C-alpha cells in the first residue's frame, strides 16, 4: 500500500500566511498605504525572514535601499515610471529588473513588457526607493535651465524690458528700450 505524499504543514501554513499577507498588503497599497513591501515590513517582526520568503516563495527580487540599484530611464521614461509606479533598474551585479511598488500587478507588468524588451523579472521596492530614484533623475529646482543660460547675458538689464502692471479695473504696460 502506498501512502500519499505528505506536505510539511509548516511550509503549507507559511505559504498560506504569505498569500494572505500579500493580498492584504496589496489592498492597503491600493488604498494609499505605501508600497506593498512597505505594508509587509510594517506588519512583521522578522524582516530578514520576510525578505527571504518574498524571494523564494513569492518570486520577486527585493530592493530596500535606492543604492542597491540604478534606474534606467532610457528604457522606461520617468513620466511612465511616475504614472505606473515602477522603474526599470540595473542591480550592481548587472541584472535588470522591473522594480515596482506592486510587483504582482499584472496590468503594470504587461504594460512595461510591451515597451521594454528583455522579459524583466519583477522586484518589490519600498516607496523610499522609488522616490529616491525619481529625485536623483530630476534636475534641481534651483538650477538654471540651459536655454535660459544661453540667452542670458552678463550685460542683461537689471529691470525687465517689458513691464505689465495689473491693478483693479485697469492695466498698463511699458516698453523700455536699451540705449
Protein backbone atom coordinates (compact mmCIF):
# COMPACT_ATOMS: atom_id res chain seq x y z
CA UNK A 1 0.00 0.00 0.00
CA UNK A 2 1.40 3.36 -0.98
CA UNK A 3 0.91 6.39 1.10
CA UNK A 4 0.05 9.73 -0.50
CA UNK A 5 2.72 12.36 -0.32
CA UNK A 6 2.52 14.37 2.81
CA UNK A 7 3.01 18.08 2.77
CA UNK A 8 5.02 19.70 5.52
CA UNK A 9 2.23 21.51 7.38
CA UNK A 10 4.55 24.33 8.49
CA UNK A 11 5.52 25.01 4.88
CA UNK A 12 1.89 24.95 3.74
CA UNK A 13 0.85 27.23 6.61
CA UNK A 14 3.70 29.62 5.78
CA UNK A 15 2.61 29.69 2.14
CA UNK A 16 -0.99 30.41 3.10
CA UNK A 17 0.14 33.10 5.54
CA UNK A 18 2.31 34.73 2.86
CA UNK A 19 -0.52 34.68 0.30
CA UNK A 20 -2.90 36.23 2.83
CA UNK A 21 -0.34 38.85 3.84
CA UNK A 22 0.31 39.72 0.18
CA UNK A 23 -3.41 40.00 -0.58
CA UNK A 24 -3.94 42.32 2.42
CA UNK A 25 -0.82 44.37 1.67
CA UNK A 26 -1.87 44.85 -1.96
CA UNK A 27 -5.29 46.09 -0.84
CA UNK A 28 -3.66 48.54 1.58
CA UNK A 29 -1.24 49.67 -1.16
CA UNK A 30 -4.17 50.43 -3.49
CA UNK A 31 -5.71 52.44 -0.64
CA UNK A 32 -2.55 54.58 -0.40
CA UNK A 33 -0.67 52.97 2.50
CA UNK A 34 2.69 52.86 0.68
CA UNK A 35 4.22 50.17 -1.46
CA UNK A 36 3.28 46.53 -0.91
CA UNK A 37 6.73 45.96 0.59
CA UNK A 38 6.27 48.91 2.98
CA UNK A 39 3.00 47.44 4.23
CA UNK A 40 4.52 43.96 4.62
CA UNK A 41 7.53 45.31 6.52
CA UNK A 42 5.30 47.23 8.93
CA UNK A 43 3.45 44.04 9.78
CA UNK A 44 6.40 41.76 10.55
CA UNK A 45 8.80 41.30 13.41
CA UNK A 46 11.27 39.22 11.38
CA UNK A 47 12.30 41.40 8.45
CA UNK A 48 15.01 39.03 7.17
CA UNK A 49 12.64 36.05 7.06
CA UNK A 50 10.02 38.09 5.20
CA UNK A 51 12.50 39.29 2.58
CA UNK A 52 13.85 35.74 2.09
CA UNK A 53 10.29 34.43 1.78
CA UNK A 54 9.43 37.03 -0.87
CA UNK A 55 12.43 35.96 -2.93
CA UNK A 56 12.00 32.19 -2.51
CA UNK A 57 8.19 31.86 -2.43
CA UNK A 58 6.69 34.97 -3.99
CA UNK A 59 9.07 35.02 -6.95
CA UNK A 60 10.33 38.59 -6.74
CA UNK A 61 13.65 40.24 -6.03
CA UNK A 62 13.66 42.81 -3.24
CA UNK A 63 15.30 46.26 -3.10
CA UNK A 64 15.06 48.06 0.24
CA UNK A 65 17.51 50.91 -0.44
CA UNK A 66 17.92 53.15 -3.53
CA UNK A 67 21.68 52.48 -3.54
CA UNK A 68 21.09 48.79 -4.34
CA UNK A 69 20.27 49.55 -7.99
CA UNK A 70 20.45 52.29 -10.60
CA UNK A 71 17.36 53.41 -12.56
CA UNK A 72 17.42 53.24 -16.36
CA UNK A 73 15.09 55.97 -17.57
CA UNK A 74 16.21 55.49 -21.17
CA UNK A 75 14.43 52.11 -21.14
CA UNK A 76 11.26 53.27 -19.34
CA UNK A 77 10.67 57.03 -19.25
CA UNK A 78 10.48 58.89 -15.98
CA UNK A 79 6.96 60.09 -16.78
CA UNK A 80 5.88 56.47 -17.31
CA UNK A 81 7.61 55.48 -14.08
CA UNK A 82 5.66 58.12 -12.17
CA UNK A 83 2.37 57.10 -13.78
CA UNK A 84 2.75 53.34 -13.36
CA UNK A 85 4.77 53.47 -10.08
CA UNK A 86 7.58 51.27 -11.40
CA UNK A 87 11.14 51.73 -12.63
CA UNK A 88 13.48 49.66 -14.77
CA UNK A 89 16.66 49.29 -12.70
CA UNK A 90 20.06 47.68 -13.05
CA UNK A 91 21.42 45.98 -9.95
CA UNK A 92 25.10 46.20 -9.14
CA UNK A 93 25.62 42.64 -10.45
CA UNK A 94 24.42 43.85 -13.89
CA UNK A 95 20.99 42.21 -13.88
CA UNK A 96 17.97 44.33 -14.87
CA UNK A 97 14.65 44.31 -13.03
CA UNK A 98 11.25 45.89 -13.17
CA UNK A 99 11.12 47.42 -9.69
CA UNK A 100 7.52 48.20 -8.74
CA UNK A 101 5.55 49.30 -5.72
CA UNK A 102 3.22 46.37 -6.52
CA UNK A 103 5.23 43.80 -8.50
CA UNK A 104 2.23 41.42 -8.55
CA UNK A 105 0.06 43.86 -10.53
CA UNK A 106 -0.44 42.10 -13.87
CA UNK A 107 -1.57 45.28 -15.67
CA UNK A 108 1.70 47.04 -14.80
CA UNK A 109 3.82 44.04 -15.78
CA UNK A 110 2.07 43.73 -19.16
CA UNK A 111 2.32 47.47 -19.81
CA UNK A 112 6.06 47.52 -19.22
CA UNK A 113 6.61 44.30 -21.20
CA UNK A 114 5.06 45.96 -24.26
CA UNK A 115 7.55 48.84 -24.07
CA UNK A 116 10.73 47.31 -22.61
CA UNK A 117 12.23 44.27 -24.24
CA UNK A 118 14.03 41.55 -22.38
CA UNK A 119 11.38 40.00 -20.14
CA UNK A 120 12.49 41.67 -16.93
CA UNK A 121 11.98 39.87 -13.62
CA UNK A 122 9.91 41.76 -11.06
CA UNK A 123 11.29 43.31 -7.88
CA UNK A 124 9.45 44.62 -4.83
CA UNK A 125 10.59 48.04 -3.64
CA UNK A 126 9.92 50.41 -0.80
CA UNK A 127 8.34 53.75 -1.67
CA UNK A 128 11.54 55.44 -0.41
CA UNK A 129 13.49 53.63 -3.15
CA UNK A 130 11.06 54.72 -5.82
CA UNK A 131 11.05 58.34 -4.65
CA UNK A 132 14.84 58.33 -4.31
CA UNK A 133 15.34 57.10 -7.87
CA UNK A 134 12.94 59.72 -9.21
CA UNK A 135 14.56 62.50 -7.18
CA UNK A 136 18.00 61.55 -8.43
CA UNK A 137 16.84 61.82 -12.03
CA UNK A 138 15.08 65.17 -11.63
CA UNK A 139 17.25 68.26 -12.06
CA UNK A 140 17.47 70.57 -9.10
CA UNK A 141 14.66 73.11 -8.86
CA UNK A 142 17.24 75.86 -8.25
CA UNK A 143 19.32 75.02 -11.31
CA UNK A 144 19.02 77.42 -14.22
CA UNK A 145 17.90 75.69 -17.42
CA UNK A 146 20.46 75.65 -20.23
CA UNK A 147 18.12 77.60 -22.53
CA UNK A 148 17.98 80.44 -20.01
CA UNK A 149 21.75 80.37 -19.53
CA UNK A 150 22.29 80.53 -23.30
CA UNK A 151 20.16 83.65 -23.80
CA UNK A 152 21.18 85.48 -20.62
CA UNK A 153 23.99 87.93 -20.99
CA UNK A 154 26.17 89.40 -18.27
CA UNK A 155 25.01 92.79 -19.64
CA UNK A 156 21.36 91.98 -19.08
CA UNK A 157 19.35 94.92 -17.77
CA UNK A 158 18.54 94.99 -14.08
CA UNK A 159 14.87 95.73 -14.84
CA UNK A 160 12.61 93.97 -17.34
CA UNK A 161 12.40 95.29 -20.88
CA UNK A 162 8.62 94.89 -20.98
CA UNK A 163 6.55 95.58 -17.85
CA UNK A 164 2.87 94.89 -17.36
CA UNK A 165 1.14 96.34 -14.32
CA UNK A 166 -2.23 94.89 -13.36
CA UNK A 167 -4.41 96.86 -10.97
CA UNK A 168 -8.02 96.54 -10.01
CA UNK A 169 -10.04 97.55 -13.03
CA UNK A 170 -7.12 98.53 -15.31
CA UNK A 171 -3.71 97.59 -16.55
CA UNK A 172 -0.77 99.38 -18.07
CA UNK A 173 2.26 98.27 -19.97
CA UNK A 174 5.53 99.97 -20.64
CA UNK A 175 8.35 99.34 -23.04
CA UNK A 176 11.90 100.23 -22.15
CA UNK A 177 14.45 100.30 -24.92
CA UNK A 178 18.09 99.54 -24.47
CA UNK A 179 20.33 102.55 -25.17
